[in-house]
Amino acid sequence: MSPLSTLQRFRPGVLAAAFATYVVFLGIGVVDPVLPTIAETMGASHTMVELLFTSYILVMAIAMLFSGPIATRLGDKRTMTVGVSLVVVFAGLCGLAPSIDALALLRGGWGLGNALFTTTVLAIIVGLSRGDTASSITLFEGALGMGIASGPLIGGFLGSLSWRYPFFAAAALAAVGLLITVFMVESPETEERDQSVRDVLGALRHPAVFGNALVGLLYTFGFFVVLAYTPLTLDIGAVGLGLVFFGWGAMLAVGSVAVSSRLVPRYGAVTTIAGTLAGFALVLAAMGVAGPTARLALVVVSGLFCGISNAVLTTLAIEVSPFSRSISSASYNCLRWSGAAFAPIISGYLGGNYGTALPFFLGALVVVSAVGGLLVSGDTLRAAVSAPRGAGAD
């Protein structure tokens, strides 16, 4: 089946939501190539620069507790609109930040908007896809991956002029996503019942939901070692970083769309993610001993493992959960991001004080522990995928 015929299977509202995902996540990738420039311009240490990611991720994780309940009260589309609006505002303000502290605080506001957007856009795409969960999540992850791939190119070229320009570009791109959301995105036909923060936390008591989210937390730690820390170890300028992370994002998109859809039907989701994480851990360890040129290549290769992992873990978050789409997504992302929020600042501290290799070795060890978690919870996850979903999942 051709890519065009595959896209034609989806309703216009689903494709509009996917395109909004593309432009919003393109804005996130825009920032990555200018991290070394920000550190140099503002006289900030690696640890301080990594706060730009930690504040963003930590606020996003906390906001995930409230995003599901907010969506059930306001509706998915309205919540998504609020989220994109916050991204527009805070991305623009980041471009005006006078100090690294102000920039870190504003990145937290950006994370709040992204939390509201991410939880609801996934619920919309899945809800409008008539039960085709795997294909709809593949579409979401593909749009996300292509956005992350395209962003560094823009960030690299604009960042060579000023570190502020990529933030303004991110705001402009999010504004395009806002217009698409307002005028083209549809709300799912089935409305979810009102839910609370207690429901989000309560979902994590479900063994399969918790097990999958914990694996997601450990994997995402390694993900942010690559995305947030690696740019500080590559002395190739903003344009060079943009090209490298364009390659990384392109491989991420290939992994999430083309490769995962072939591996999961053949080997099953649990076996696929276990093998993928083992490979990712090896790549992280290799990055710790690699020279500059080899590390560039390994960054690009790591994108393939990240793409497969993102797609499979996100699909499992919906499929193993007996709860509603928004609660399933919120509980998974809350735990996943809360632990991963500390990966950037820990990596920055260790790299700045004990050598650039140590964060890669730590990341590899954490991802290996995720494989161990799968060995413990694998049967529980398989059983949950096979179990019929209850009414609460509608």
Protein backbone atom coordinates (compact mmCIF):
# COMPACT_ATOMS: atom_id res chain seq x y z
CA MET A 1 0.00 0.00 0.00
CA SER A 2 1.42 3.40 -1.03
CA PRO A 3 1.87 6.24 1.50
CA LEU A 4 -0.82 8.26 -0.30
CA SER A 5 -3.40 5.46 -0.14
CA THR A 6 -2.53 4.94 3.52
CA LEU A 7 -3.19 8.62 4.30
CA GLN A 8 -6.48 8.50 2.38
CA ARG A 9 -7.78 5.98 4.92
CA PHE A 10 -7.90 8.72 7.57
CA ARG A 11 -10.58 11.37 7.97
CA PRO A 12 -9.63 14.99 7.18
CA GLY A 13 -9.82 15.87 10.89
CA VAL A 14 -7.25 13.18 11.70
CA LEU A 15 -4.86 14.45 9.02
CA ALA A 16 -5.32 18.03 10.26
CA ALA A 17 -4.44 16.95 13.81
CA ALA A 18 -1.39 15.09 12.49
CA PHE A 19 -0.24 18.18 10.58
CA ALA A 20 -0.67 20.29 13.72
CA THR A 21 1.51 17.72 15.50
CA TYR A 22 4.13 18.13 12.80
CA VAL A 23 4.41 21.91 13.12
CA VAL A 24 4.30 21.94 16.95
CA PHE A 25 7.06 19.34 17.28
CA LEU A 26 9.02 21.01 14.48
CA GLY A 27 9.18 23.96 16.87
CA ILE A 28 10.76 21.79 19.58
CA GLY A 29 13.53 20.57 17.28
CA VAL A 30 14.25 24.15 16.23
CA VAL A 31 15.88 24.87 19.61
CA ASP A 32 18.34 21.97 19.82
CA PRO A 33 21.16 23.32 17.58
CA VAL A 34 21.47 26.59 19.53
CA LEU A 35 22.15 25.08 22.98
CA PRO A 36 25.94 25.60 22.78
CA THR A 37 25.42 29.15 21.48
CA ILE A 38 23.11 29.96 24.40
CA ALA A 39 25.70 28.60 26.84
CA GLU A 40 28.44 30.74 25.30
CA THR A 41 26.36 33.92 24.90
CA MET A 42 24.90 33.86 28.41
CA GLY A 43 27.98 32.48 30.12
CA ALA A 44 25.99 29.50 31.38
CA SER A 45 27.38 26.14 32.49
CA HIS A 46 26.25 22.88 30.92
CA THR A 47 24.06 22.28 33.97
CA MET A 48 22.32 25.64 33.59
CA VAL A 49 21.72 25.13 29.88
CA GLU A 50 20.23 21.71 30.55
CA LEU A 51 17.68 23.40 32.82
CA LEU A 52 16.03 24.54 29.58
CA PHE A 53 15.04 20.92 29.02
CA THR A 54 14.49 19.92 32.65
CA SER A 55 12.07 22.79 33.37
CA TYR A 56 10.21 22.05 30.15
CA ILE A 57 9.89 18.31 30.79
CA LEU A 58 9.13 18.58 34.52
CA VAL A 59 6.30 21.07 34.04
CA MET A 60 4.98 18.92 31.21
CA ALA A 61 5.01 15.83 33.45
CA ILE A 62 3.12 17.58 36.25
CA ALA A 63 0.66 19.06 33.78
CA MET A 64 -0.09 15.57 32.48
CA LEU A 65 -1.90 14.95 35.78
CA PHE A 66 -4.39 17.65 34.89
CA SER A 67 -4.49 17.47 31.09
CA GLY A 68 -6.76 14.42 30.94
CA PRO A 69 -9.32 15.76 33.45
CA ILE A 70 -9.22 19.19 31.75
CA ALA A 71 -9.87 17.55 28.38
CA THR A 72 -12.91 15.67 29.68
CA ARG A 73 -14.41 18.96 30.89
CA LEU A 74 -13.44 21.36 28.10
CA GLY A 75 -13.39 18.82 25.29
CA ASP A 76 -10.37 17.55 23.40
CA LYS A 77 -10.35 20.20 20.67
CA ARG A 78 -10.73 23.14 23.06
CA THR A 79 -7.98 21.81 25.32
CA MET A 80 -5.73 21.22 22.33
CA THR A 81 -6.38 24.81 21.20
CA VAL A 82 -5.41 26.17 24.63
CA GLY A 83 -2.25 24.07 24.56
CA VAL A 84 -1.11 25.31 21.15
CA SER A 85 -1.91 28.90 22.18
CA LEU A 86 0.38 28.58 25.20
CA VAL A 87 3.14 27.20 22.98
CA VAL A 88 2.82 30.23 20.68
CA VAL A 89 3.02 32.69 23.60
CA PHE A 90 5.87 31.08 25.56
CA ALA A 91 7.98 30.20 22.52
CA GLY A 92 7.82 33.84 21.47
CA LEU A 93 8.69 35.04 24.97
CA CYS A 94 11.69 32.67 25.05
CA GLY A 95 13.10 34.62 22.13
CA LEU A 96 12.97 37.78 24.28
CA ALA A 97 14.44 36.23 27.45
CA PRO A 98 17.13 38.43 29.09
CA SER A 99 18.83 35.65 31.08
CA ILE A 100 19.24 31.89 31.32
CA ASP A 101 17.01 31.83 34.43
CA ALA A 102 14.19 33.65 32.64
CA LEU A 103 14.60 31.36 29.64
CA ALA A 104 14.30 28.27 31.86
CA LEU A 105 11.10 29.61 33.47
CA LEU A 106 9.57 30.43 30.09
CA ARG A 107 10.45 26.96 28.84
CA GLY A 108 8.34 25.64 31.70
CA GLY A 109 5.35 27.55 30.32
CA TRP A 110 6.09 26.05 26.93
CA GLY A 111 6.03 22.60 28.54
CA LEU A 112 2.58 23.31 30.01
CA GLY A 113 1.21 24.08 26.57
CA ASN A 114 2.84 21.05 25.04
CA ALA A 115 1.33 18.79 27.73
CA LEU A 116 -2.20 19.96 26.95
CA PHE A 117 -1.54 19.58 23.23
CA THR A 118 0.15 16.17 23.34
CA THR A 119 -2.43 14.41 25.49
CA THR A 120 -5.42 15.68 23.54
CA VAL A 121 -4.04 15.43 20.00
CA LEU A 122 -3.31 11.74 20.53
CA ALA A 123 -6.81 11.20 21.93
CA ILE A 124 -8.29 13.02 18.91
CA ILE A 125 -6.28 11.06 16.35
CA VAL A 126 -7.09 7.71 17.98
CA GLY A 127 -10.72 8.66 18.62
CA LEU A 128 -11.38 9.69 15.01
CA SER A 129 -9.65 6.65 13.51
CA ARG A 130 -12.54 4.23 14.05
CA GLY A 131 -10.71 1.79 16.29
CA ASP A 132 -7.55 1.48 14.18
CA THR A 133 -5.31 2.27 17.15
CA ALA A 134 -2.01 1.00 15.78
CA SER A 135 -2.29 2.85 12.45
CA SER A 136 -3.44 6.08 14.08
CA ILE A 137 -0.55 6.04 16.56
CA THR A 138 1.85 5.31 13.69
CA LEU A 139 0.47 8.42 11.96
CA PHE A 140 0.96 10.46 15.15
CA GLU A 141 4.51 9.22 15.70
CA GLY A 142 5.35 9.78 12.03
CA ALA A 143 4.15 13.39 12.20
CA LEU A 144 6.07 13.88 15.45
CA GLY A 145 9.21 12.35 13.97
CA MET A 146 9.08 14.42 10.80
CA GLY A 147 8.58 17.55 12.88
CA ILE A 148 11.58 16.77 15.05
CA ALA A 149 13.59 16.01 11.90
CA SER A 150 12.69 19.26 10.14
CA GLY A 151 13.13 21.52 13.15
CA PRO A 152 16.90 21.27 13.55
CA LEU A 153 17.46 22.34 9.95
CA ILE A 154 15.58 25.58 10.54
CA GLY A 155 17.14 26.01 13.97
CA GLY A 156 20.62 25.43 12.64
CA PHE A 157 20.43 28.02 9.88
CA LEU A 158 18.55 30.62 11.94
CA GLY A 159 20.72 29.93 14.98
CA SER A 160 23.83 30.80 13.00
CA LEU A 161 22.40 34.36 12.87
CA SER A 162 21.09 34.61 16.45
CA TRP A 163 20.06 32.12 19.12
CA ARG A 164 16.81 34.07 19.50
CA TYR A 165 15.57 33.52 15.95
CA PRO A 166 14.77 29.79 16.35
CA PHE A 167 12.43 30.60 19.25
CA PHE A 168 10.59 33.14 17.13
CA ALA A 169 10.39 30.56 14.33
CA ALA A 170 8.97 28.02 16.79
CA ALA A 171 6.28 30.51 17.81
CA ALA A 172 5.39 31.21 14.18
CA LEU A 173 5.17 27.51 13.35
CA ALA A 174 3.00 26.85 16.39
CA ALA A 175 0.74 29.69 15.24
CA VAL A 176 0.23 27.78 11.99
CA GLY A 177 -0.68 24.75 14.08
CA LEU A 178 -3.13 26.89 16.05
CA LEU A 179 -4.94 27.97 12.89
CA ILE A 180 -5.13 24.38 11.68
CA THR A 181 -6.48 23.29 15.06
CA VAL A 182 -9.18 25.97 15.17
CA PHE A 183 -10.45 25.57 11.63
CA MET A 184 -9.80 21.96 10.62
CA VAL A 185 -9.45 19.62 13.62
CA GLU A 186 -12.59 17.73 14.67
CA SER A 187 -13.57 16.43 18.09
CA PRO A 188 -14.21 12.69 18.52
CA GLU A 189 -17.87 11.76 18.27
CA THR A 190 -17.84 9.92 21.59
CA GLU A 191 -17.40 12.10 24.67
CA GLU A 192 -15.53 10.81 27.71
CA ARG A 193 -16.98 11.11 31.19
CA ASP A 194 -15.58 13.68 33.62
CA GLN A 195 -12.40 12.47 35.27
CA SER A 196 -10.04 13.73 37.94
CA VAL A 197 -6.38 13.76 38.92
CA ARG A 198 -7.18 10.81 41.16
CA ASP A 199 -8.23 8.86 38.06
CA VAL A 200 -4.90 9.59 36.36
CA LEU A 201 -2.90 8.46 39.39
CA GLY A 202 -5.26 5.55 39.98
CA ALA A 203 -4.62 4.25 36.47
CA LEU A 204 -0.98 3.72 37.45
CA ARG A 205 -2.12 1.12 39.98
CA HIS A 206 -2.98 -1.12 37.04
CA PRO A 207 0.05 -3.45 36.69
CA ALA A 208 0.28 -3.24 32.90
CA VAL A 209 -0.22 0.54 32.79
CA PHE A 210 2.45 1.07 35.44
CA GLY A 211 4.86 -1.44 33.92
CA ASN A 212 4.68 0.14 30.47
CA ALA A 213 4.99 3.67 31.87
CA LEU A 214 8.02 2.69 33.97
CA VAL A 215 9.74 1.24 30.91
CA GLY A 216 8.85 4.46 29.10
CA LEU A 217 10.43 6.51 31.91
CA LEU A 218 13.70 4.59 31.75
CA TYR A 219 13.84 4.70 27.95
CA THR A 220 13.08 8.44 27.85
CA PHE A 221 16.02 9.09 30.17
CA GLY A 222 18.29 7.74 27.44
CA PHE A 223 16.34 9.62 24.78
CA PHE A 224 17.13 12.95 26.43
CA VAL A 225 20.77 12.07 26.93
CA VAL A 226 20.92 12.04 23.13
CA LEU A 227 18.63 14.99 22.42
CA ALA A 228 19.53 17.40 25.22
CA TYR A 229 23.11 16.55 26.16
CA THR A 230 24.84 15.43 22.96
CA PRO A 231 24.77 18.90 21.30
CA LEU A 232 27.05 20.15 24.09
CA THR A 233 29.68 17.55 23.15
CA LEU A 234 29.76 18.27 19.40
CA ASP A 235 31.84 21.29 18.40
CA ILE A 236 30.41 21.69 14.88
CA GLY A 237 28.39 24.91 15.08
CA ALA A 238 24.65 25.53 14.84
CA VAL A 239 24.36 24.59 11.16
CA GLY A 240 26.31 21.37 11.69
CA LEU A 241 24.16 20.42 14.67
CA GLY A 242 21.07 21.16 12.62
CA LEU A 243 22.18 18.75 9.91
CA VAL A 244 23.13 16.01 12.39
CA PHE A 245 19.82 16.19 14.24
CA PHE A 246 17.93 16.39 10.97
CA GLY A 247 19.44 12.98 10.21
CA TRP A 248 18.56 11.79 13.72
CA GLY A 249 14.97 12.96 13.34
CA ALA A 250 14.66 11.44 9.87
CA MET A 251 15.75 8.08 11.26
CA LEU A 252 13.30 8.55 14.13
CA ALA A 253 10.48 9.03 11.62
CA VAL A 254 11.55 5.96 9.64
CA GLY A 255 11.69 3.87 12.80
CA SER A 256 8.30 4.98 14.10
CA VAL A 257 6.45 4.59 10.80
CA ALA A 258 8.15 2.05 8.55
CA VAL A 259 10.17 -0.22 10.82
CA SER A 260 7.92 -0.58 13.87
CA SER A 261 4.91 -1.46 11.70
CA ARG A 262 6.88 -4.40 10.29
CA LEU A 263 8.48 -5.64 13.49
CA VAL A 264 5.43 -5.64 15.78
CA PRO A 265 3.20 -7.92 13.64
CA ARG A 266 6.08 -10.37 13.28
CA TYR A 267 7.56 -10.44 16.77
CA GLY A 268 4.95 -8.82 19.01
CA ALA A 269 5.15 -5.48 20.79
CA VAL A 270 6.96 -6.67 23.92
CA THR A 271 9.69 -8.60 22.11
CA THR A 272 10.13 -5.73 19.64
CA ILE A 273 10.58 -3.10 22.34
CA ALA A 274 12.93 -5.33 24.36
CA GLY A 275 15.23 -5.88 21.39
CA THR A 276 15.05 -2.23 20.37
CA LEU A 277 15.98 -0.98 23.83
CA ALA A 278 18.89 -3.42 24.02
CA GLY A 279 20.17 -2.00 20.73
CA PHE A 280 19.67 1.57 21.95
CA ALA A 281 21.67 0.83 25.11
CA LEU A 282 24.56 -0.46 23.00
CA VAL A 283 24.50 2.70 20.87
CA LEU A 284 24.56 4.90 23.99
CA ALA A 285 27.51 2.98 25.40
CA ALA A 286 29.33 3.28 22.08
CA MET A 287 28.76 7.05 22.10
CA GLY A 288 30.68 7.19 25.37
CA VAL A 289 33.85 5.75 23.82
CA ALA A 290 33.49 7.09 20.27
CA GLY A 291 35.55 9.86 18.76
CA PRO A 292 33.89 13.02 17.39
CA THR A 293 33.18 11.67 13.89
CA ALA A 294 31.89 8.31 15.08
CA ARG A 295 29.69 10.03 17.66
CA LEU A 296 28.03 12.05 14.90
CA ALA A 297 27.15 8.83 13.08
CA LEU A 298 25.90 7.18 16.28
CA VAL A 299 23.58 10.12 16.98
CA VAL A 300 21.92 9.55 13.61
CA VAL A 301 21.71 5.77 14.12
CA SER A 302 20.17 6.22 17.58
CA GLY A 303 17.20 7.92 15.94
CA LEU A 304 16.09 4.60 14.46
CA PHE A 305 15.92 2.95 17.89
CA CYS A 306 14.17 6.00 19.36
CA GLY A 307 11.54 5.98 16.61
CA ILE A 308 10.68 2.32 17.11
CA SER A 309 10.58 2.75 20.90
CA ASN A 310 8.34 5.81 20.76
CA ALA A 311 5.81 4.12 18.48
CA VAL A 312 5.64 0.80 20.33
CA LEU A 313 5.50 2.25 23.85
CA THR A 314 2.84 4.80 22.90
CA THR A 315 0.74 2.08 21.27
CA LEU A 316 1.09 -0.11 24.35
CA ALA A 317 0.03 2.81 26.57
CA ILE A 318 -3.37 2.75 24.86
CA GLU A 319 -3.69 -0.98 24.25
CA VAL A 320 -2.79 -2.30 27.72
CA SER A 321 -5.03 0.19 29.51
CA PRO A 322 -8.69 -0.47 30.38
CA PHE A 323 -9.18 3.27 30.95
CA SER A 324 -10.21 6.12 28.64
CA ARG A 325 -7.88 7.40 25.95
CA SER A 326 -7.11 10.68 27.72
CA ILE A 327 -6.51 9.02 31.10
CA SER A 328 -4.37 6.30 29.51
CA SER A 329 -2.25 8.87 27.70
CA ALA A 330 -2.00 11.19 30.71
CA SER A 331 -0.97 8.48 33.18
CA TYR A 332 1.65 7.08 30.80
CA ASN A 333 3.13 10.47 29.97
CA CYS A 334 3.04 11.72 33.57
CA LEU A 335 5.27 8.90 34.83
CA ARG A 336 7.34 8.74 31.65
CA TRP A 337 8.24 12.45 31.66
CA SER A 338 8.55 12.91 35.42
CA GLY A 339 11.61 10.70 35.71
CA ALA A 340 13.07 11.68 32.36
CA ALA A 341 12.93 15.36 33.38
CA PHE A 342 16.10 14.88 35.38
CA ALA A 343 18.11 13.31 32.55
CA PRO A 344 19.25 16.63 31.01
CA ILE A 345 20.38 18.31 34.23
CA ILE A 346 22.08 15.14 35.54
CA SER A 347 23.84 14.71 32.20
CA GLY A 348 24.94 18.34 32.16
CA TYR A 349 26.33 18.11 35.69
CA LEU A 350 28.16 14.83 35.14
CA GLY A 351 29.50 15.86 31.76
CA GLY A 352 30.69 19.22 33.03
CA ASN A 353 32.43 17.82 36.10
CA TYR A 354 33.46 14.24 35.36
CA GLY A 355 33.99 14.01 31.61
CA THR A 356 31.77 13.97 28.56
CA ALA A 357 31.55 10.16 28.36
CA LEU A 358 29.90 9.49 31.74
CA PRO A 359 26.35 10.65 30.81
CA PHE A 360 26.32 8.23 27.86
CA PHE A 361 27.34 5.31 30.08
CA LEU A 362 24.69 6.27 32.64
CA GLY A 363 22.08 6.52 29.89
CA ALA A 364 23.03 3.06 28.63
CA LEU A 365 22.73 1.61 32.14
CA VAL A 366 19.29 3.17 32.65
CA VAL A 367 18.03 1.83 29.31
CA VAL A 368 19.38 -1.64 30.18
CA SER A 369 17.28 -1.47 33.35
CA ALA A 370 14.26 -0.85 31.11
CA VAL A 371 15.01 -4.14 29.36
CA GLY A 372 15.12 -5.77 32.78
CA GLY A 373 11.73 -4.24 33.56
CA LEU A 374 10.32 -5.82 30.41
CA LEU A 375 11.61 -9.22 31.48
CA VAL A 376 9.63 -8.81 34.70
CA SER A 377 6.44 -7.29 33.26
CA GLY A 378 6.41 -8.79 29.76
CA ASP A 379 3.75 -11.44 30.46
CA THR A 380 1.54 -8.85 32.18
CA LEU A 381 1.77 -6.54 29.16
CA ARG A 382 1.01 -9.35 26.70
CA ALA A 383 -2.03 -10.41 28.71
CA ALA A 384 -3.31 -6.83 28.90
CA VAL A 385 -2.99 -6.37 25.13
CA SER A 386 -5.02 -9.54 24.55
CA ALA A 387 -7.72 -8.68 27.11
CA PRO A 388 -10.99 -7.12 25.85
CA ARG A 389 -11.29 -3.45 26.75
CA GLY A 390 -14.09 -2.30 29.00
CA ALA A 391 -16.50 0.54 28.62
CA GLY A 392 -14.16 2.88 30.34
CA ALA A 393 -11.94 2.84 27.37
CA ASP A 394 -14.41 4.44 25.06
